[in-house]
Protein backbone atom coordinates (compact mmCIF):
# COMPACT_ATOMS: atom_id res chain seq x y z
CA MET A 1 0.00 0.00 0.00
CA THR A 2 1.20 3.51 -0.83
CA ASN A 3 0.08 6.90 0.46
CA PRO A 4 -3.36 7.37 -1.17
CA THR A 5 -3.37 11.13 -0.57
CA ARG A 6 0.01 11.99 -2.12
CA GLU A 7 -0.02 13.24 -5.70
CA PRO A 8 2.72 12.02 -8.09
CA LEU A 9 6.00 13.77 -7.36
CA GLN A 10 7.62 16.20 -9.77
CA MET A 11 11.34 16.80 -9.31
CA PRO A 12 13.10 20.04 -10.26
CA GLY A 13 14.16 19.66 -13.88
CA GLY A 14 12.02 16.56 -14.46
CA ASN A 15 11.72 13.02 -13.15
CA ASP A 16 14.19 11.56 -15.64
CA LYS A 17 17.19 12.70 -13.59
CA PRO A 18 18.80 10.56 -10.86
CA LEU A 19 18.21 11.77 -7.31
CA LEU A 20 20.45 11.42 -4.26
CA LEU A 21 18.30 11.15 -1.13
CA HIS A 22 20.08 11.92 2.12
CA SER A 23 18.49 9.66 4.72
CA CYS A 24 18.66 10.26 8.45
CA CYS A 25 16.87 7.03 9.47
CA ALA A 26 14.41 4.41 8.26
CA PRO A 27 11.23 5.88 9.82
CA CYS A 28 11.81 9.33 8.31
CA SER A 29 12.90 8.10 4.89
CA ALA A 30 10.38 5.28 4.37
CA GLU A 31 7.50 7.44 3.14
CA PRO A 32 9.69 9.54 0.81
CA MET A 33 11.23 6.32 -0.52
CA GLU A 34 7.79 4.86 -1.15
CA ALA A 35 6.57 8.05 -2.84
CA LEU A 36 9.65 8.28 -5.07
CA LEU A 37 9.19 4.67 -6.19
CA ALA A 38 5.50 5.28 -6.93
CA SER A 39 6.44 8.33 -9.03
CA GLY A 40 9.00 6.43 -11.09
CA ILE A 41 11.94 8.49 -9.87
CA GLN A 42 15.36 6.80 -9.92
CA TYR A 43 17.15 7.47 -6.65
CA THR A 44 19.92 6.33 -4.35
CA ILE A 45 20.05 6.51 -0.55
CA PHE A 46 23.00 8.40 0.95
CA PHE A 47 23.48 7.64 4.65
CA TYR A 48 25.85 10.13 6.24
CA ASN A 49 24.96 10.92 9.85
CA PRO A 50 28.08 11.31 12.03
CA ASN A 51 25.94 13.18 14.54
CA ILE A 52 24.27 9.99 15.81
CA HIS A 53 25.65 8.81 19.15
CA PRO A 54 26.43 6.50 20.77
CA LEU A 55 27.74 4.05 18.17
CA LYS A 56 25.14 1.45 19.18
CA GLU A 57 22.34 3.88 18.31
CA TYR A 58 24.03 4.75 15.02
CA GLU A 59 24.35 1.12 13.96
CA ILE A 60 20.73 0.30 14.80
CA ARG A 61 19.42 3.26 12.78
CA LYS A 62 21.69 2.49 9.84
CA GLN A 63 20.83 -1.22 9.71
CA GLU A 64 17.10 -0.47 9.79
CA ASN A 65 17.56 1.85 6.83
CA ILE A 66 19.62 -0.75 4.95
CA ARG A 67 16.94 -3.38 5.60
CA PHE A 68 14.18 -1.22 4.10
CA ALA A 69 16.32 -0.18 1.12
CA GLU A 70 17.21 -3.80 0.33
CA LYS A 71 13.56 -4.79 0.58
CA HIS A 72 12.74 -2.37 -2.25
CA GLY A 73 15.94 -2.81 -4.27
CA ILE A 74 17.18 0.74 -3.66
CA PRO A 75 20.95 1.42 -3.88
CA PHE A 76 22.35 2.41 -0.48
CA ILE A 77 25.54 4.41 0.02
CA ASP A 78 27.00 3.88 3.48
CA ALA A 79 29.25 6.91 4.09
CA ASP A 80 31.92 7.13 6.77
CA TYR A 81 30.82 7.64 10.39
CA ASP A 82 33.31 10.51 10.71
CA GLU A 83 32.36 11.34 14.31
CA ASP A 84 35.63 13.15 15.15
CA ASN A 85 35.01 15.73 12.43
CA TRP A 86 31.44 16.17 13.63
CA PHE A 87 32.52 16.93 17.20
CA GLU A 88 35.07 19.39 15.85
CA ARG A 89 32.42 21.04 13.68
CA VAL A 90 30.04 21.68 16.61
CA GLN A 91 32.71 22.58 19.17
CA GLY A 92 31.55 25.52 21.27
CA LEU A 93 27.89 24.84 20.45
CA GLU A 94 27.37 22.03 22.94
CA ASN A 95 24.74 23.97 24.93
CA GLU A 96 22.79 25.38 22.00
CA PRO A 97 19.08 24.48 22.04
CA GLU A 98 17.47 22.11 19.57
CA ARG A 99 16.93 23.86 16.20
CA GLY A 100 19.68 26.34 17.11
CA ALA A 101 23.16 27.04 15.74
CA ARG A 102 24.46 23.54 16.52
CA CYS A 103 21.76 21.97 14.36
CA THR A 104 22.60 24.36 11.51
CA GLU A 105 26.25 23.28 11.63
CA CYS A 106 25.16 19.64 11.76
CA PHE A 107 22.88 19.96 8.75
CA ASP A 108 25.52 21.92 6.85
CA MET A 109 28.10 19.21 7.42
CA ARG A 110 25.80 16.39 6.34
CA PHE A 111 24.50 18.21 3.27
CA GLU A 112 27.95 19.35 2.19
CA ARG A 113 29.06 15.73 2.13
CA THR A 114 25.87 14.73 0.29
CA ALA A 115 26.36 17.43 -2.32
CA LEU A 116 30.02 16.48 -2.80
CA TYR A 117 29.09 12.85 -3.43
CA ALA A 118 26.33 13.94 -5.81
CA HIS A 119 28.76 16.15 -7.72
CA GLU A 120 31.34 13.37 -8.00
CA HIS A 121 28.84 10.69 -9.05
CA GLY A 122 26.50 12.47 -11.45
CA PHE A 123 23.44 13.30 -9.34
CA PRO A 124 22.06 16.70 -10.40
CA VAL A 125 19.40 16.77 -7.65
CA ILE A 126 19.68 16.12 -3.91
CA THR A 127 17.11 16.14 -1.12
CA SER A 128 16.69 14.80 2.41
CA SER A 129 14.21 12.93 4.56
CA LEU A 130 15.06 15.16 7.54
CA GLY A 131 12.19 17.54 6.88
CA ILE A 132 9.41 15.00 7.40
CA SER A 133 9.94 15.10 11.17
CA ARG A 134 7.70 17.54 13.02
CA TRP A 135 10.58 18.12 15.44
CA LYS A 136 12.68 19.77 12.72
CA ASN A 137 12.63 23.33 11.37
CA MET A 138 11.83 22.99 7.67
CA ASN A 139 13.27 26.40 6.74
CA GLN A 140 16.51 25.63 8.59
CA ILE A 141 16.88 22.33 6.74
CA ASN A 142 16.10 23.84 3.35
CA ASP A 143 18.53 26.73 3.87
CA CYS A 144 21.32 24.24 4.62
CA GLY A 145 20.42 22.05 1.65
CA LEU A 146 20.26 24.98 -0.77
CA ARG A 147 23.58 26.31 0.53
CA ALA A 148 25.28 22.94 -0.01
CA ALA A 149 23.87 22.41 -3.51
CA GLY A 150 24.78 25.98 -4.44
CA ARG A 151 28.47 25.06 -4.30
CA TYR A 152 28.12 23.14 -7.56
CA GLN A 153 26.97 24.50 -10.88
CA GLY A 154 23.82 22.83 -12.15
CA MET A 155 22.97 21.09 -8.86
CA ALA A 156 19.55 21.57 -7.24
CA TYR A 157 18.33 20.93 -3.73
CA TRP A 158 14.71 19.78 -3.79
CA THR A 159 12.80 21.59 -1.02
CA TYR A 160 9.76 19.32 -1.19
CA ASN A 161 7.66 19.26 2.01
CA TRP A 162 7.35 15.54 2.82
CA ARG A 163 5.00 16.23 5.74
CA LYS A 164 2.12 17.34 3.53
CA GLN A 165 -0.47 15.19 1.76
CA GLY A 166 -0.51 12.64 4.54
CA GLY A 167 3.25 12.13 4.58
CA SER A 168 3.68 12.27 8.35
CA ALA A 169 0.78 9.90 9.01
CA ARG A 170 2.02 7.44 6.38
CA MET A 171 5.50 7.58 7.92
CA ILE A 172 4.10 6.26 11.21
CA GLU A 173 1.99 3.65 9.43
CA ILE A 174 4.99 2.24 7.57
CA SER A 175 7.09 2.33 10.73
CA LYS A 176 4.53 0.21 12.56
CA ASP A 177 4.13 -2.20 9.64
CA GLU A 178 7.91 -2.65 9.47
CA ARG A 179 8.38 -2.56 13.26
CA PHE A 180 11.17 -0.03 12.84
CA TYR A 181 13.35 0.94 15.75
CA GLN A 182 11.79 3.99 17.40
CA GLN A 183 14.48 6.49 18.25
CA GLU A 184 13.56 8.68 21.20
CA TYR A 185 15.89 11.62 20.59
CA CYS A 186 17.22 13.50 17.58
CA GLY A 187 20.49 11.63 17.46
CA CYS A 188 23.42 13.58 18.85
CA ILE A 189 24.86 13.13 22.32
CA TYR A 190 23.71 16.61 23.30
CA SER A 191 20.15 15.85 22.24
CA LEU A 192 20.33 12.66 24.31
CA ARG A 193 21.62 14.68 27.29
CA ASP A 194 18.85 17.28 27.04
CA THR A 195 16.10 14.73 26.43
CA ASN A 196 17.16 12.75 29.49
CA ARG A 197 17.24 15.94 31.57
CA HIS A 198 13.67 16.63 30.54
CA ARG A 199 12.63 13.06 31.28
CA ARG A 200 14.17 13.14 34.74
CA ALA A 201 12.43 16.43 35.48
CA SER A 202 9.15 14.79 34.44
CA GLY A 203 9.76 11.73 36.59
CA ARG A 204 10.43 9.48 33.60
CA PRO A 205 13.31 7.00 33.26
CA ALA A 206 16.29 7.72 31.02
CA ILE A 207 16.30 6.52 27.42
CA GLN A 208 17.44 2.95 26.90
CA ILE A 209 19.25 2.43 23.58
CA GLY A 210 17.91 -0.36 21.37
CA VAL A 211 14.71 -1.05 23.33
CA GLN A 212 11.78 0.85 21.82
CA TYR A 213 10.20 -0.31 18.53
CA TYR A 214 7.13 0.82 16.59
CA SER A 215 4.19 -1.55 16.89
CA HIS A 216 0.49 -1.75 16.06
CA ASP A 217 0.08 -3.36 19.48
CA ASN A 218 1.26 -0.17 21.17
CA PRO A 219 -1.19 2.69 20.47
CA GLY A 220 1.30 5.22 21.77
CA SER A 221 4.19 4.27 19.51
CA GLY A 222 5.08 6.94 17.02
CA GLN A 223 3.37 9.74 18.87
């Protein structure tokens, strides 16, 4: 089953061009992947997320994404983890709030690497699944994507809003069908720190890595 409310997608410059889709995780990318397939768009997954910590969390998220890509026969590029460069990139921004300057640096780093790979391997269009999450700032993501693509002549960043036309609801539906791992924080160690602070203040236990999964048996999963 595909999203019955989403109209066929139209890429910048036409659907006959190959697309490089930066994926942050399986839950966020599943609906865009499904919609791209339904629209006949040829695309490749690019997984570059050195922000995700600890390593156990990173590996779980990556393997879930690989599993879904293999299920649908989608090429998957597994980029370097590169965590040392990420920590250097966000140095001094450790206490910035979510959606603040640290997130901008993080998105810039990930999109710059995506755009470089696209330039070197003949992808004229790039986009990302990051924007489907309601926890993200769409304008912040698009600004970073446009800035990265703008480094290369003829490259476009597709600013499509994956949340609309039932995208967010379908994302949760697929996640439950696939029993994807349900990450409980954005991904970086500072997000984990701040989320656990909030949970403690609310009388909730700290996040346990590798425990929570989407399920139709759990009405609260995905909320």
